[in-house]
Amino acid sequence: MTVFKPVRSGSALTVPIKITNRGDQRAFYEVAVRVTGDHGFDATVRMKSEAVGLYPGTSWPAELTARDSGSPVPKNPQVTIVKSTKSKHLR
């Protein structure tokens, strides 16, 4: 998984990610990313790949939107991968 630099989008941060299946079978992925920053900004966002699963050798881009209603969007956010799991497609 590759996490790119967050982009400010109004009152939120958009965190672009790309998941690549480097295995030899279709797989599903679950990801959680925590974004922290100045003035107490702290948000954890999650996503799951669904449908048919990610085929071997392919990539899937996604955008996660991080918001913290109690804090302004930080200028220099820190992104941490809190969870990244892969499960095989059962067919």
C-alpha atoms as a PDB file:
ATOM      1  CA  MET A   1       0.000   0.000   0.000  1.00  0.00           C
ATOM      2  CA  THR A   2       1.182   3.481  -0.851  1.00  0.00           C
ATOM      3  CA  VAL A   3      -0.092   6.519   1.050  1.00  0.00           C
ATOM      4  CA  PHE A   4       0.368   9.879  -0.640  1.00  0.00           C
ATOM      5  CA  LYS A   5       0.578  13.350   0.897  1.00  0.00           C
ATOM      6  CA  PRO A   6      -2.840  14.565   2.128  1.00  0.00           C
ATOM      7  CA  VAL A   7      -4.511  17.391   0.226  1.00  0.00           C
ATOM      8  CA  ARG A   8      -6.528  20.081   1.961  1.00  0.00           C
ATOM      9  CA  SER A   9     -10.130  20.098   0.771  1.00  0.00           C
ATOM     10  CA  GLY A  10     -12.163  22.751   2.614  1.00  0.00           C
ATOM     11  CA  SER A  11     -12.678  21.565   6.192  1.00  0.00           C
ATOM     12  CA  ALA A  12     -11.184  18.126   5.506  1.00  0.00           C
ATOM     13  CA  LEU A  13      -8.056  16.364   4.302  1.00  0.00           C
ATOM     14  CA  THR A  14      -8.149  13.981   1.366  1.00  0.00           C
ATOM     15  CA  VAL A  15      -5.649  11.145   1.752  1.00  0.00           C
ATOM     16  CA  PRO A  16      -4.901   9.402  -1.576  1.00  0.00           C
ATOM     17  CA  ILE A  17      -3.848   5.755  -1.315  1.00  0.00           C
ATOM     18  CA  LYS A  18      -3.028   2.984  -3.770  1.00  0.00           C
ATOM     19  CA  ILE A  19      -3.307  -0.698  -2.961  1.00  0.00           C
ATOM     20  CA  THR A  20      -1.433  -3.191  -5.133  1.00  0.00           C
ATOM     21  CA  ASN A  21      -2.067  -6.933  -5.017  1.00  0.00           C
ATOM     22  CA  ARG A  22       1.387  -8.478  -5.269  1.00  0.00           C
ATOM     23  CA  GLY A  23       0.067 -11.976  -4.551  1.00  0.00           C
ATOM     24  CA  ASP A  24      -0.984 -14.739  -6.938  1.00  0.00           C
ATOM     25  CA  GLN A  25      -4.699 -14.838  -5.956  1.00  0.00           C
ATOM     26  CA  ARG A  26      -7.533 -12.337  -5.832  1.00  0.00           C
ATOM     27  CA  ALA A  27      -7.696 -10.587  -2.464  1.00  0.00           C
ATOM     28  CA  PHE A  28      -9.704  -8.152  -0.375  1.00  0.00           C
ATOM     29  CA  TYR A  29      -8.066  -5.356   1.602  1.00  0.00           C
ATOM     30  CA  GLU A  30      -9.032  -3.415   4.703  1.00  0.00           C
ATOM     31  CA  VAL A  31      -7.153  -0.242   5.594  1.00  0.00           C
ATOM     32  CA  ALA A  32      -7.292   2.271   8.458  1.00  0.00           C
ATOM     33  CA  VAL A  33      -5.277   5.485   8.365  1.00  0.00           C
ATOM     34  CA  ARG A  34      -4.875   7.985  11.204  1.00  0.00           C
ATOM     35  CA  VAL A  35      -4.298  11.654  10.423  1.00  0.00           C
ATOM     36  CA  THR A  36      -3.030  13.966  13.166  1.00  0.00           C
ATOM     37  CA  GLY A  37      -1.785  17.527  13.269  1.00  0.00           C
ATOM     38  CA  ASP A  38      -1.679  20.935  14.876  1.00  0.00           C
ATOM     39  CA  HIS A  39      -4.381  22.129  17.275  1.00  0.00           C
ATOM     40  CA  GLY A  40      -5.397  18.574  18.223  1.00  0.00           C
ATOM     41  CA  PHE A  41      -6.540  17.399  14.776  1.00  0.00           C
ATOM     42  CA  ASP A  42      -7.032  13.635  15.070  1.00  0.00           C
ATOM     43  CA  ALA A  43      -9.076  11.506  12.669  1.00  0.00           C
ATOM     44  CA  THR A  44      -9.021   7.835  11.708  1.00  0.00           C
ATOM     45  CA  VAL A  45     -10.545   6.837   8.373  1.00  0.00           C
ATOM     46  CA  ARG A  46     -11.167   3.323   7.043  1.00  0.00           C
ATOM     47  CA  MET A  47     -11.956   1.572   3.798  1.00  0.00           C
ATOM     48  CA  LYS A  48     -12.567  -1.962   2.535  1.00  0.00           C
ATOM     49  CA  SER A  49     -12.182  -3.259  -0.980  1.00  0.00           C
ATOM     50  CA  GLU A  50     -15.314  -5.069  -2.019  1.00  0.00           C
ATOM     51  CA  ALA A  51     -17.019  -6.653  -5.032  1.00  0.00           C
ATOM     52  CA  VAL A  52     -14.822  -9.261  -6.751  1.00  0.00           C
ATOM     53  CA  GLY A  53     -11.553  -8.554  -4.953  1.00  0.00           C
ATOM     54  CA  LEU A  54      -8.353  -7.160  -6.372  1.00  0.00           C
ATOM     55  CA  TYR A  55      -6.822  -9.360  -9.079  1.00  0.00           C
ATOM     56  CA  PRO A  56      -3.127 -10.340  -8.872  1.00  0.00           C
ATOM     57  CA  GLY A  57      -0.793  -7.687 -10.235  1.00  0.00           C
ATOM     58  CA  THR A  58      -3.434  -4.952 -10.253  1.00  0.00           C
ATOM     59  CA  SER A  59      -3.745  -1.764  -8.237  1.00  0.00           C
ATOM     60  CA  TRP A  60      -6.702   0.069  -6.778  1.00  0.00           C
ATOM     61  CA  PRO A  61      -6.570   3.812  -6.060  1.00  0.00           C
ATOM     62  CA  ALA A  62      -8.784   5.304  -3.358  1.00  0.00           C
ATOM     63  CA  GLU A  63      -9.239   8.543  -1.473  1.00  0.00           C
ATOM     64  CA  LEU A  64     -10.008   8.696   2.227  1.00  0.00           C
ATOM     65  CA  THR A  65     -11.511  11.890   3.671  1.00  0.00           C
ATOM     66  CA  ALA A  66     -10.364  12.850   7.166  1.00  0.00           C
ATOM     67  CA  ARG A  67     -12.375  15.340   9.241  1.00  0.00           C
ATOM     68  CA  ASP A  68     -12.187  16.449  12.864  1.00  0.00           C
ATOM     69  CA  SER A  69     -15.072  18.759  13.713  1.00  0.00           C
ATOM     70  CA  GLY A  70     -13.284  19.962  16.861  1.00  0.00           C
ATOM     71  CA  SER A  71     -10.052  21.108  15.173  1.00  0.00           C
ATOM     72  CA  PRO A  72      -8.991  23.095  12.111  1.00  0.00           C
ATOM     73  CA  VAL A  73      -7.305  21.308   9.209  1.00  0.00           C
ATOM     74  CA  PRO A  74      -3.563  21.234   9.969  1.00  0.00           C
ATOM     75  CA  LYS A  75      -0.956  22.679   7.612  1.00  0.00           C
ATOM     76  CA  ASN A  76       1.443  19.753   8.080  1.00  0.00           C
ATOM     77  CA  PRO A  77      -0.624  16.629   8.817  1.00  0.00           C
ATOM     78  CA  GLN A  78       0.999  13.361   9.848  1.00  0.00           C
ATOM     79  CA  VAL A  79      -0.419  10.149   8.360  1.00  0.00           C
ATOM     80  CA  THR A  80       0.004   6.760  10.024  1.00  0.00           C
ATOM     81  CA  ILE A  81      -1.224   3.403   8.729  1.00  0.00           C
ATOM     82  CA  VAL A  82      -3.018   1.875  11.730  1.00  0.00           C
ATOM     83  CA  LYS A  83      -4.355  -1.238  10.016  1.00  0.00           C
ATOM     84  CA  SER A  84      -3.696  -2.991   6.736  1.00  0.00           C
ATOM     85  CA  THR A  85      -5.101  -6.471   6.249  1.00  0.00           C
ATOM     86  CA  LYS A  86      -5.367  -8.715   3.233  1.00  0.00           C
ATOM     87  CA  SER A  87      -7.729 -11.662   2.920  1.00  0.00           C
ATOM     88  CA  LYS A  88      -7.851 -14.141   0.056  1.00  0.00           C
ATOM     89  CA  HIS A  89     -10.800 -14.409  -2.259  1.00  0.00           C
ATOM     90  CA  LEU A  90     -12.415 -17.777  -1.527  1.00  0.00           C
ATOM     91  CA  ARG A  91     -13.407 -18.793  -5.062  1.00  0.00           C
END
